[in-house]
Amino acid sequence: MILFELHFQVDAAKREEFERAYAEVFAPAISKQKGFQSLKFLRLYSPSAIAEIQASPTEYDYQINFTFESEAARRVWATSADHDVAWPKLSALTTKFFWRGYDLLASQ
């Protein structure tokens, strides 16, 4: 199984629209793909909470984590018509983004 992370910097004025695009477009599109396993949508703590817990600084506000049964299955999703609709709607609302992939060694 693989885990894929997407990290996003989103302007404050676009956060509501970004969250809506995730819920209405991205999540439904990815979750119906063959080999899809799980999906998580994360928003960074508020600046005051980050300061209070002395967390490491980051310029990225949101993260999407998803798992697929294999990297091959994820690549099918990445070249699908659903992805061609969902990814531009999400990424267009960001200032910048990056991704990384992992082989998932354990999960509970």
PDB file of N, CA and C in Angstrom:
ATOM      1  N   MET A   1       0.848  -1.168   0.000  1.00  0.00           N
ATOM      2  CA  MET A   1       0.000   0.000   0.000  1.00  0.00           C
ATOM      3  C   MET A   1       0.900   1.239   0.000  1.00  0.00           C
ATOM      4  N   ILE A   2       0.399   2.325  -0.578  1.00  0.00           N
ATOM      5  CA  ILE A   2       1.151   3.577  -0.606  1.00  0.00           C
ATOM      6  C   ILE A   2       0.344   4.698   0.046  1.00  0.00           C
ATOM      7  N   LEU A   3       1.071   5.654   0.585  1.00  0.00           N
ATOM      8  CA  LEU A   3       0.483   6.871   1.129  1.00  0.00           C
ATOM      9  C   LEU A   3       1.019   8.028   0.310  1.00  0.00           C
ATOM     10  N   PHE A   4       0.127   8.911  -0.096  1.00  0.00           N
ATOM     11  CA  PHE A   4       0.520  10.089  -0.864  1.00  0.00           C
ATOM     12  C   PHE A   4       0.095  11.322  -0.083  1.00  0.00           C
ATOM     13  N   GLU A   5       0.995  12.297   0.023  1.00  0.00           N
ATOM     14  CA  GLU A   5       0.721  13.552   0.712  1.00  0.00           C
ATOM     15  C   GLU A   5       0.718  14.699  -0.288  1.00  0.00           C
ATOM     16  N   LEU A   6      -0.277  15.551  -0.169  1.00  0.00           N
ATOM     17  CA  LEU A   6      -0.339  16.808  -0.920  1.00  0.00           C
ATOM     18  C   LEU A   6      -0.327  17.932   0.113  1.00  0.00           C
ATOM     19  N   HIS A   7       0.556  18.908  -0.048  1.00  0.00           N
ATOM     20  CA  HIS A   7       0.652  20.051   0.863  1.00  0.00           C
ATOM     21  C   HIS A   7       0.312  21.312   0.081  1.00  0.00           C
ATOM     22  N   PHE A   8      -0.496  22.185   0.695  1.00  0.00           N
ATOM     23  CA  PHE A   8      -0.993  23.376  -0.008  1.00  0.00           C
ATOM     24  C   PHE A   8      -0.821  24.637   0.825  1.00  0.00           C
ATOM     25  N   GLN A   9      -0.431  25.697   0.161  1.00  0.00           N
ATOM     26  CA  GLN A   9      -0.482  27.037   0.736  1.00  0.00           C
ATOM     27  C   GLN A   9      -1.697  27.703   0.087  1.00  0.00           C
ATOM     28  N   VAL A  10      -2.617  28.171   0.918  1.00  0.00           N
ATOM     29  CA  VAL A  10      -3.868  28.749   0.429  1.00  0.00           C
ATOM     30  C   VAL A  10      -4.040  30.132   1.040  1.00  0.00           C
ATOM     31  N   ASP A  11      -4.287  31.119   0.198  1.00  0.00           N
ATOM     32  CA  ASP A  11      -4.547  32.475   0.664  1.00  0.00           C
ATOM     33  C   ASP A  11      -5.795  32.460   1.549  1.00  0.00           C
ATOM     34  N   ALA A  12      -5.775  33.247   2.621  1.00  0.00           N
ATOM     35  CA  ALA A  12      -6.895  33.275   3.574  1.00  0.00           C
ATOM     36  C   ALA A  12      -8.232  33.553   2.887  1.00  0.00           C
ATOM     37  N   ALA A  13      -8.242  34.387   1.875  1.00  0.00           N
ATOM     38  CA  ALA A  13      -9.483  34.731   1.181  1.00  0.00           C
ATOM     39  C   ALA A  13     -10.045  33.569   0.362  1.00  0.00           C
ATOM     40  N   LYS A  14      -9.243  32.550   0.118  1.00  0.00           N
ATOM     41  CA  LYS A  14      -9.689  31.419  -0.702  1.00  0.00           C
ATOM     42  C   LYS A  14      -9.892  30.130   0.098  1.00  0.00           C
ATOM     43  N   ARG A  15      -9.706  30.182   1.392  1.00  0.00           N
ATOM     44  CA  ARG A  15      -9.791  28.962   2.207  1.00  0.00           C
ATOM     45  C   ARG A  15     -11.166  28.306   2.150  1.00  0.00           C
ATOM     46  N   GLU A  16     -12.211  29.084   2.275  1.00  0.00           N
ATOM     47  CA  GLU A  16     -13.564  28.515   2.236  1.00  0.00           C
ATOM     48  C   GLU A  16     -13.826  27.838   0.885  1.00  0.00           C
ATOM     49  N   GLU A  17     -13.438  28.485  -0.191  1.00  0.00           N
ATOM     50  CA  GLU A  17     -13.622  27.912  -1.526  1.00  0.00           C
ATOM     51  C   GLU A  17     -12.764  26.659  -1.710  1.00  0.00           C
ATOM     52  N   PHE A  18     -11.560  26.667  -1.163  1.00  0.00           N
ATOM     53  CA  PHE A  18     -10.675  25.505  -1.233  1.00  0.00           C
ATOM     54  C   PHE A  18     -11.300  24.315  -0.501  1.00  0.00           C
ATOM     55  N   GLU A  19     -11.806  24.559   0.698  1.00  0.00           N
ATOM     56  CA  GLU A  19     -12.437  23.489   1.472  1.00  0.00           C
ATOM     57  C   GLU A  19     -13.683  22.951   0.767  1.00  0.00           C
ATOM     58  N   ARG A  20     -14.434  23.824   0.136  1.00  0.00           N
ATOM     59  CA  ARG A  20     -15.617  23.398  -0.618  1.00  0.00           C
ATOM     60  C   ARG A  20     -15.214  22.573  -1.847  1.00  0.00           C
ATOM     61  N   ALA A  21     -14.174  22.989  -2.556  1.00  0.00           N
ATOM     62  CA  ALA A  21     -13.699  22.242  -3.729  1.00  0.00           C
ATOM     63  C   ALA A  21     -13.227  20.847  -3.324  1.00  0.00           C
ATOM     64  N   TYR A  22     -12.572  20.751  -2.178  1.00  0.00           N
ATOM     65  CA  TYR A  22     -12.165  19.433  -1.685  1.00  0.00           C
ATOM     66  C   TYR A  22     -13.405  18.554  -1.464  1.00  0.00           C
ATOM     67  N   ALA A  23     -14.380  19.064  -0.718  1.00  0.00           N
ATOM     68  CA  ALA A  23     -15.555  18.279  -0.338  1.00  0.00           C
ATOM     69  C   ALA A  23     -16.465  17.940  -1.520  1.00  0.00           C
ATOM     70  N   GLU A  24     -16.620  18.878  -2.425  1.00  0.00           N
ATOM     71  CA  GLU A  24     -17.586  18.691  -3.508  1.00  0.00           C
ATOM     72  C   GLU A  24     -16.996  18.092  -4.777  1.00  0.00           C
ATOM     73  N   VAL A  25     -15.694  18.243  -4.982  1.00  0.00           N
ATOM     74  CA  VAL A  25     -15.093  17.790  -6.237  1.00  0.00           C
ATOM     75  C   VAL A  25     -14.002  16.736  -6.000  1.00  0.00           C
ATOM     76  N   PHE A  26     -12.971  17.096  -5.234  1.00  0.00           N
ATOM     77  CA  PHE A  26     -11.817  16.210  -5.100  1.00  0.00           C
ATOM     78  C   PHE A  26     -12.165  14.901  -4.398  1.00  0.00           C
ATOM     79  N   ALA A  27     -12.767  14.987  -3.214  1.00  0.00           N
ATOM     80  CA  ALA A  27     -13.059  13.775  -2.438  1.00  0.00           C
ATOM     81  C   ALA A  27     -13.958  12.799  -3.203  1.00  0.00           C
ATOM     82  N   PRO A  28     -15.054  13.255  -3.801  1.00  0.00           N
ATOM     83  CA  PRO A  28     -15.879  12.298  -4.556  1.00  0.00           C
ATOM     84  C   PRO A  28     -15.143  11.681  -5.748  1.00  0.00           C
ATOM     85  N   ALA A  29     -14.297  12.451  -6.401  1.00  0.00           N
ATOM     86  CA  ALA A  29     -13.581  11.952  -7.581  1.00  0.00           C
ATOM     87  C   ALA A  29     -12.557  10.885  -7.216  1.00  0.00           C
ATOM     88  N   ILE A  30     -11.765  11.126  -6.181  1.00  0.00           N
ATOM     89  CA  ILE A  30     -10.715  10.164  -5.833  1.00  0.00           C
ATOM     90  C   ILE A  30     -11.286   8.909  -5.174  1.00  0.00           C
ATOM     91  N   SER A  31     -12.329   9.081  -4.375  1.00  0.00           N
ATOM     92  CA  SER A  31     -12.826   7.954  -3.584  1.00  0.00           C
ATOM     93  C   SER A  31     -13.474   6.859  -4.421  1.00  0.00           C
ATOM     94  N   LYS A  32     -13.811   7.141  -5.652  1.00  0.00           N
ATOM     95  CA  LYS A  32     -14.419   6.104  -6.500  1.00  0.00           C
ATOM     96  C   LYS A  32     -13.397   5.373  -7.381  1.00  0.00           C
ATOM     97  N   GLN A  33     -12.138   5.695  -7.227  1.00  0.00           N
ATOM     98  CA  GLN A  33     -11.099   5.101  -8.070  1.00  0.00           C
ATOM     99  C   GLN A  33     -10.754   3.680  -7.625  1.00  0.00           C
ATOM    100  N   LYS A  34     -10.438   2.852  -8.588  1.00  0.00           N
ATOM    101  CA  LYS A  34     -10.026   1.486  -8.301  1.00  0.00           C
ATOM    102  C   LYS A  34      -8.712   1.515  -7.510  1.00  0.00           C
ATOM    103  N   GLY A  35      -8.673   0.767  -6.431  1.00  0.00           N
ATOM    104  CA  GLY A  35      -7.479   0.707  -5.601  1.00  0.00           C
ATOM    105  C   GLY A  35      -7.424   1.753  -4.513  1.00  0.00           C
ATOM    106  N   PHE A  36      -8.370   2.701  -4.512  1.00  0.00           N
ATOM    107  CA  PHE A  36      -8.421   3.719  -3.467  1.00  0.00           C
ATOM    108  C   PHE A  36      -8.707   3.060  -2.120  1.00  0.00           C
ATOM    109  N   GLN A  37      -8.030   3.540  -1.056  1.00  0.00           N
ATOM    110  CA  GLN A  37      -8.209   2.970   0.279  1.00  0.00           C
ATOM    111  C   GLN A  37      -8.744   3.981   1.302  1.00  0.00           C
ATOM    112  N   SER A  38      -8.117   5.153   1.397  1.00  0.00           N
ATOM    113  CA  SER A  38      -8.525   6.115   2.423  1.00  0.00           C
ATOM    114  C   SER A  38      -8.120   7.529   2.026  1.00  0.00           C
ATOM    115  N   LEU A  39      -8.753   8.495   2.713  1.00  0.00           N
ATOM    116  CA  LEU A  39      -8.522   9.905   2.408  1.00  0.00           C
ATOM    117  C   LEU A  39      -8.659  10.717   3.689  1.00  0.00           C
ATOM    118  N   LYS A  40      -7.732  11.672   3.899  1.00  0.00           N
ATOM    119  CA  LYS A  40      -7.795  12.585   5.042  1.00  0.00           C
ATOM    120  C   LYS A  40      -7.495  13.997   4.555  1.00  0.00           C
ATOM    121  N   PHE A  41      -8.244  14.949   5.115  1.00  0.00           N
ATOM    122  CA  PHE A  41      -8.089  16.360   4.779  1.00  0.00           C
ATOM    123  C   PHE A  41      -7.731  17.091   6.071  1.00  0.00           C
ATOM    124  N   LEU A  42      -6.584  17.754   6.093  1.00  0.00           N
ATOM    125  CA  LEU A  42      -6.093  18.401   7.308  1.00  0.00           C
ATOM    126  C   LEU A  42      -5.879  19.892   7.101  1.00  0.00           C
ATOM    127  N   ARG A  43      -6.215  20.663   8.122  1.00  0.00           N
ATOM    128  CA  ARG A  43      -5.927  22.094   8.134  1.00  0.00           C
ATOM    129  C   ARG A  43      -5.015  22.358   9.325  1.00  0.00           C
ATOM    130  N   LEU A  44      -3.981  23.138   9.110  1.00  0.00           N
ATOM    131  CA  LEU A  44      -3.015  23.471  10.149  1.00  0.00           C
ATOM    132  C   LEU A  44      -3.706  24.201  11.300  1.00  0.00           C
ATOM    133  N   TYR A  45      -3.228  23.993  12.519  1.00  0.00           N
ATOM    134  CA  TYR A  45      -3.718  24.725  13.687  1.00  0.00           C
ATOM    135  C   TYR A  45      -3.615  26.235  13.451  1.00  0.00           C
ATOM    136  N   SER A  46      -4.323  26.981  14.253  1.00  0.00           N
ATOM    137  CA  SER A  46      -4.252  28.449  14.207  1.00  0.00           C
ATOM    138  C   SER A  46      -2.850  28.893  14.632  1.00  0.00           C
ATOM    139  N   PRO A  47      -2.434  30.100  14.217  1.00  0.00           N
ATOM    140  CA  PRO A  47      -1.115  30.600  14.626  1.00  0.00           C
ATOM    141  C   PRO A  47      -0.922  30.618  16.148  1.00  0.00           C
ATOM    142  N   SER A  48      -1.978  30.948  16.900  1.00  0.00           N
ATOM    143  CA  SER A  48      -1.836  30.979  18.364  1.00  0.00           C
ATOM    144  C   SER A  48      -1.625  29.571  18.930  1.00  0.00           C
ATOM    145  N   ALA A  49      -2.317  28.588  18.398  1.00  0.00           N
ATOM    146  CA  ALA A  49      -2.130  27.206  18.851  1.00  0.00           C
ATOM    147  C   ALA A  49      -0.738  26.697  18.472  1.00  0.00           C
ATOM    148  N   ILE A  50      -0.282  27.058  17.289  1.00  0.00           N
ATOM    149  CA  ILE A  50       1.067  26.659  16.856  1.00  0.00           C
ATOM    150  C   ILE A  50       2.114  27.241  17.803  1.00  0.00           C
ATOM    151  N   ALA A  51       1.957  28.520  18.151  1.00  0.00           N
ATOM    152  CA  ALA A  51       2.900  29.163  19.077  1.00  0.00           C
ATOM    153  C   ALA A  51       2.833  28.515  20.460  1.00  0.00           C
ATOM    154  N   GLU A  52       1.626  28.234  20.907  1.00  0.00           N
ATOM    155  CA  GLU A  52       1.444  27.658  22.238  1.00  0.00           C
ATOM    156  C   GLU A  52       2.127  26.292  22.387  1.00  0.00           C
ATOM    157  N   ILE A  53       2.040  25.479  21.362  1.00  0.00           N
ATOM    158  CA  ILE A  53       2.654  24.142  21.453  1.00  0.00           C
ATOM    159  C   ILE A  53       4.074  24.120  20.899  1.00  0.00           C
ATOM    160  N   GLN A  54       4.552  25.278  20.445  1.00  0.00           N
ATOM    161  CA  GLN A  54       5.908  25.431  19.907  1.00  0.00           C
ATOM    162  C   GLN A  54       6.165  24.475  18.743  1.00  0.00           C
ATOM    163  N   ALA A  55       5.192  24.421  17.843  1.00  0.00           N
ATOM    164  CA  ALA A  55       5.310  23.556  16.667  1.00  0.00           C
ATOM    165  C   ALA A  55       6.293  24.150  15.666  1.00  0.00           C
ATOM    166  N   SER A  56       6.838  23.310  14.835  1.00  0.00           N
ATOM    167  CA  SER A  56       7.743  23.764  13.775  1.00  0.00           C
ATOM    168  C   SER A  56       6.980  24.628  12.789  1.00  0.00           C
ATOM    169  N   PRO A  57       7.590  25.698  12.331  1.00  0.00           N
ATOM    170  CA  PRO A  57       6.913  26.564  11.364  1.00  0.00           C
ATOM    171  C   PRO A  57       6.792  25.897   9.992  1.00  0.00           C
ATOM    172  N   THR A  58       5.756  26.270   9.281  1.00  0.00           N
ATOM    173  CA  THR A  58       5.562  25.824   7.905  1.00  0.00           C
ATOM    174  C   THR A  58       4.759  26.877   7.172  1.00  0.00           C
ATOM    175  N   GLU A  59       4.930  26.929   5.882  1.00  0.00           N
ATOM    176  CA  GLU A  59       4.166  27.881   5.076  1.00  0.00           C
ATOM    177  C   GLU A  59       2.942  27.230   4.450  1.00  0.00           C
ATOM    178  N   TYR A  60       2.716  25.948   4.727  1.00  0.00           N
ATOM    179  CA  TYR A  60       1.603  25.214   4.134  1.00  0.00           C
ATOM    180  C   TYR A  60       0.466  25.082   5.138  1.00  0.00           C
ATOM    181  N   ASP A  61      -0.745  25.433   4.691  1.00  0.00           N
ATOM    182  CA  ASP A  61      -1.923  25.493   5.559  1.00  0.00           C
ATOM    183  C   ASP A  61      -2.742  24.209   5.576  1.00  0.00           C
ATOM    184  N   TYR A  62      -2.697  23.472   4.479  1.00  0.00           N
ATOM    185  CA  TYR A  62      -3.548  22.294   4.315  1.00  0.00           C
ATOM    186  C   TYR A  62      -2.726  21.107   3.849  1.00  0.00           C
ATOM    187  N   GLN A  63      -3.261  19.938   4.158  1.00  0.00           N
ATOM    188  CA  GLN A  63      -2.647  18.705   3.693  1.00  0.00           C
ATOM    189  C   GLN A  63      -3.757  17.716   3.356  1.00  0.00           C
ATOM    190  N   ILE A  64      -3.564  16.986   2.272  1.00  0.00           N
ATOM    191  CA  ILE A  64      -4.439  15.871   1.924  1.00  0.00           C
ATOM    192  C   ILE A  64      -3.564  14.630   1.918  1.00  0.00           C
ATOM    193  N   ASN A  65      -3.980  13.616   2.650  1.00  0.00           N
ATOM    194  CA  ASN A  65      -3.305  12.322   2.655  1.00  0.00           C
ATOM    195  C   ASN A  65      -4.267  11.287   2.101  1.00  0.00           C
ATOM    196  N   PHE A  66      -3.787  10.483   1.182  1.00  0.00           N
ATOM    197  CA  PHE A  66      -4.627   9.390   0.706  1.00  0.00           C
ATOM    198  C   PHE A  66      -3.786   8.149   0.489  1.00  0.00           C
ATOM    199  N   THR A  67      -4.454   7.009   0.564  1.00  0.00           N
ATOM    200  CA  THR A  67      -3.776   5.746   0.340  1.00  0.00           C
ATOM    201  C   THR A  67      -4.442   5.011  -0.822  1.00  0.00           C
ATOM    202  N   PHE A  68      -3.599   4.311  -1.547  1.00  0.00           N
ATOM    203  CA  PHE A  68      -4.034   3.421  -2.624  1.00  0.00           C
ATOM    204  C   PHE A  68      -3.396   2.067  -2.390  1.00  0.00           C
ATOM    205  N   GLU A  69      -3.974   1.057  -2.967  1.00  0.00           N
ATOM    206  CA  GLU A  69      -3.416  -0.295  -2.798  1.00  0.00           C
ATOM    207  C   GLU A  69      -2.016  -0.412  -3.392  1.00  0.00           C
ATOM    208  N   SER A  70      -1.693   0.452  -4.371  1.00  0.00           N
ATOM    209  CA  SER A  70      -0.369   0.417  -4.995  1.00  0.00           C
ATOM    210  C   SER A  70      -0.077   1.742  -5.680  1.00  0.00           C
ATOM    211  N   GLU A  71       1.196   1.967  -5.975  1.00  0.00           N
ATOM    212  CA  GLU A  71       1.580   3.152  -6.743  1.00  0.00           C
ATOM    213  C   GLU A  71       1.001   3.073  -8.152  1.00  0.00           C
ATOM    214  N   ALA A  72       0.912   1.884  -8.700  1.00  0.00           N
ATOM    215  CA  ALA A  72       0.325   1.718 -10.033  1.00  0.00           C
ATOM    216  C   ALA A  72      -1.134   2.180 -10.044  1.00  0.00           C
ATOM    217  N   ALA A  73      -1.888   1.855  -9.004  1.00  0.00           N
ATOM    218  CA  ALA A  73      -3.289   2.297  -8.919  1.00  0.00           C
ATOM    219  C   ALA A  73      -3.372   3.813  -8.784  1.00  0.00           C
ATOM    220  N   ARG A  74      -2.461   4.407  -7.989  1.00  0.00           N
ATOM    221  CA  ARG A  74      -2.452   5.873  -7.856  1.00  0.00           C
ATOM    222  C   ARG A  74      -2.155   6.537  -9.190  1.00  0.00           C
ATOM    223  N   ARG A  75      -1.259   5.953  -9.949  1.00  0.00           N
ATOM    224  CA  ARG A  75      -0.922   6.536 -11.254  1.00  0.00           C
ATOM    225  C   ARG A  75      -2.075   6.445 -12.243  1.00  0.00           C
ATOM    226  N   VAL A  76      -2.880   5.420 -12.127  1.00  0.00           N
ATOM    227  CA  VAL A  76      -4.092   5.347 -12.963  1.00  0.00           C
ATOM    228  C   VAL A  76      -5.011   6.514 -12.609  1.00  0.00           C
ATOM    229  N   TRP A  77      -5.195   6.765 -11.302  1.00  0.00           N
ATOM    230  CA  TRP A  77      -5.984   7.916 -10.858  1.00  0.00           C
ATOM    231  C   TRP A  77      -5.393   9.220 -11.398  1.00  0.00           C
ATOM    232  N   ALA A  78      -4.067   9.368 -11.328  1.00  0.00           N
ATOM    233  CA  ALA A  78      -3.403  10.605 -11.736  1.00  0.00           C
ATOM    234  C   ALA A  78      -3.552  10.900 -13.224  1.00  0.00           C
ATOM    235  N   THR A  79      -3.879   9.895 -14.015  1.00  0.00           N
ATOM    236  CA  THR A  79      -4.062  10.098 -15.457  1.00  0.00           C
ATOM    237  C   THR A  79      -5.520   9.927 -15.875  1.00  0.00           C
ATOM    238  N   SER A  80      -6.431   9.903 -14.910  1.00  0.00           N
ATOM    239  CA  SER A  80      -7.855   9.686 -15.213  1.00  0.00           C
ATOM    240  C   SER A  80      -8.567  10.990 -15.566  1.00  0.00           C
ATOM    241  N   ALA A  81      -9.715  10.851 -16.213  1.00  0.00           N
ATOM    242  CA  ALA A  81     -10.558  12.010 -16.526  1.00  0.00           C
ATOM    243  C   ALA A  81     -11.048  12.678 -15.244  1.00  0.00           C
ATOM    244  N   ASP A  82     -11.345  11.891 -14.203  1.00  0.00           N
ATOM    245  CA  ASP A  82     -11.767  12.463 -12.918  1.00  0.00           C
ATOM    246  C   ASP A  82     -10.676  13.359 -12.331  1.00  0.00           C
ATOM    247  N   HIS A  83      -9.440  12.902 -12.384  1.00  0.00           N
ATOM    248  CA  HIS A  83      -8.310  13.695 -11.891  1.00  0.00           C
ATOM    249  C   HIS A  83      -8.161  14.970 -12.714  1.00  0.00           C
ATOM    250  N   ASP A  84      -8.358  14.867 -14.021  1.00  0.00           N
ATOM    251  CA  ASP A  84      -8.222  16.025 -14.903  1.00  0.00           C
ATOM    252  C   ASP A  84      -9.237  17.121 -14.588  1.00  0.00           C
ATOM    253  N   VAL A  85     -10.321  16.772 -13.926  1.00  0.00           N
ATOM    254  CA  VAL A  85     -11.304  17.760 -13.477  1.00  0.00           C
ATOM    255  C   VAL A  85     -10.999  18.210 -12.050  1.00  0.00           C
ATOM    256  N   ALA A  86     -10.754  17.245 -11.162  1.00  0.00           N
ATOM    257  CA  ALA A  86     -10.620  17.545  -9.729  1.00  0.00           C
ATOM    258  C   ALA A  86      -9.344  18.313  -9.383  1.00  0.00           C
ATOM    259  N   TRP A  87      -8.203  17.877  -9.916  1.00  0.00           N
ATOM    260  CA  TRP A  87      -6.938  18.507  -9.541  1.00  0.00           C
ATOM    261  C   TRP A  87      -6.877  19.988  -9.927  1.00  0.00           C
ATOM    262  N   PRO A  88      -7.241  20.375 -11.141  1.00  0.00           N
ATOM    263  CA  PRO A  88      -7.182  21.814 -11.473  1.00  0.00           C
ATOM    264  C   PRO A  88      -8.111  22.673 -10.614  1.00  0.00           C
ATOM    265  N   LYS A  89      -9.271  22.147 -10.229  1.00  0.00           N
ATOM    266  CA  LYS A  89     -10.188  22.930  -9.380  1.00  0.00           C
ATOM    267  C   LYS A  89      -9.554  23.202  -8.019  1.00  0.00           C
ATOM    268  N   LEU A  90      -8.839  22.227  -7.490  1.00  0.00           N
ATOM    269  CA  LEU A  90      -8.196  22.379  -6.192  1.00  0.00           C
ATOM    270  C   LEU A  90      -6.921  23.216  -6.302  1.00  0.00           C
ATOM    271  N   SER A  91      -6.041  22.840  -7.197  1.00  0.00           N
ATOM    272  CA  SER A  91      -4.735  23.504  -7.279  1.00  0.00           C
ATOM    273  C   SER A  91      -4.843  24.962  -7.713  1.00  0.00           C
ATOM    274  N   ALA A  92      -5.877  25.316  -8.467  1.00  0.00           N
ATOM    275  CA  ALA A  92      -6.056  26.705  -8.906  1.00  0.00           C
ATOM    276  C   ALA A  92      -6.330  27.654  -7.738  1.00  0.00           C
ATOM    277  N   LEU A  93      -6.756  27.104  -6.614  1.00  0.00           N
ATOM    278  CA  LEU A  93      -7.084  27.926  -5.450  1.00  0.00           C
ATOM    279  C   LEU A  93      -5.907  28.092  -4.488  1.00  0.00           C
ATOM    280  N   THR A  94      -4.745  27.596  -4.879  1.00  0.00           N
ATOM    281  CA  THR A  94      -3.584  27.627  -3.996  1.00  0.00           C
ATOM    282  C   THR A  94      -2.538  28.628  -4.471  1.00  0.00           C
ATOM    283  N   THR A  95      -1.696  29.024  -3.552  1.00  0.00           N
ATOM    284  CA  THR A  95      -0.550  29.859  -3.875  1.00  0.00           C
ATOM    285  C   THR A  95       0.599  28.987  -4.352  1.00  0.00           C
ATOM    286  N   LYS A  96       0.769  27.852  -3.660  1.00  0.00           N
ATOM    287  CA  LYS A  96       1.752  26.852  -4.073  1.00  0.00           C
ATOM    288  C   LYS A  96       1.426  25.529  -3.401  1.00  0.00           C
ATOM    289  N   PHE A  97       2.049  24.487  -3.920  1.00  0.00           N
ATOM    290  CA  PHE A  97       1.798  23.151  -3.395  1.00  0.00           C
ATOM    291  C   PHE A  97       2.968  22.242  -3.735  1.00  0.00           C
ATOM    292  N   PHE A  98       3.027  21.121  -3.040  1.00  0.00           N
ATOM    293  CA  PHE A  98       3.982  20.064  -3.373  1.00  0.00           C
ATOM    294  C   PHE A  98       3.396  18.741  -2.924  1.00  0.00           C
ATOM    295  N   TRP A  99       4.003  17.657  -3.374  1.00  0.00           N
ATOM    296  CA  TRP A  99       3.560  16.333  -2.959  1.00  0.00           C
ATOM    297  C   TRP A  99       4.735  15.411  -2.766  1.00  0.00           C
ATOM    298  N   ARG A 100       4.451  14.332  -2.059  1.00  0.00           N
ATOM    299  CA  ARG A 100       5.445  13.279  -1.869  1.00  0.00           C
ATOM    300  C   ARG A 100       4.702  11.969  -1.637  1.00  0.00           C
ATOM    301  N   GLY A 101       5.397  10.873  -1.930  1.00  0.00           N
ATOM    302  CA  GLY A 101       4.797   9.557  -1.778  1.00  0.00           C
ATOM    303  C   GLY A 101       5.633   8.667  -0.871  1.00  0.00           C
ATOM    304  N   TYR A 102       4.956   7.708  -0.242  1.00  0.00           N
ATOM    305  CA  TYR A 102       5.597   6.791   0.689  1.00  0.00           C
ATOM    306  C   TYR A 102       5.095   5.374   0.449  1.00  0.00           C
ATOM    307  N   ASP A 103       5.940   4.408   0.685  1.00  0.00           N
ATOM    308  CA  ASP A 103       5.496   3.039   0.843  1.00  0.00           C
ATOM    309  C   ASP A 103       4.979   2.950   2.280  1.00  0.00           C
ATOM    310  N   LEU A 104       3.768   2.503   2.450  1.00  0.00           N
ATOM    311  CA  LEU A 104       3.156   2.417   3.777  1.00  0.00           C
ATOM    312  C   LEU A 104       3.585   1.101   4.432  1.00  0.00           C
ATOM    313  N   LEU A 105       4.378   1.194   5.493  1.00  0.00           N
ATOM    314  CA  LEU A 105       4.948   0.002   6.126  1.00  0.00           C
ATOM    315  C   LEU A 105       4.050  -0.569   7.231  1.00  0.00           C
ATOM    316  N   ALA A 106       3.276   0.292   7.893  1.00  0.00           N
ATOM    317  CA  ALA A 106       2.389  -0.175   8.954  1.00  0.00           C
ATOM    318  C   ALA A 106       1.259   0.829   9.129  1.00  0.00           C
ATOM    319  N   SER A 107       0.095   0.303   9.538  1.00  0.00           N
ATOM    320  CA  SER A 107      -1.066   1.145   9.809  1.00  0.00           C
ATOM    321  C   SER A 107      -1.946   0.420  10.823  1.00  0.00           C
ATOM    322  N   GLN A 108      -2.503   1.163  11.770  1.00  0.00           N
ATOM    323  CA  GLN A 108      -3.369   0.533  12.782  1.00  0.00           C
ATOM    324  C   GLN A 108      -4.686   1.218  12.848  1.00  0.00           C
TER     325      GLN A 108
END
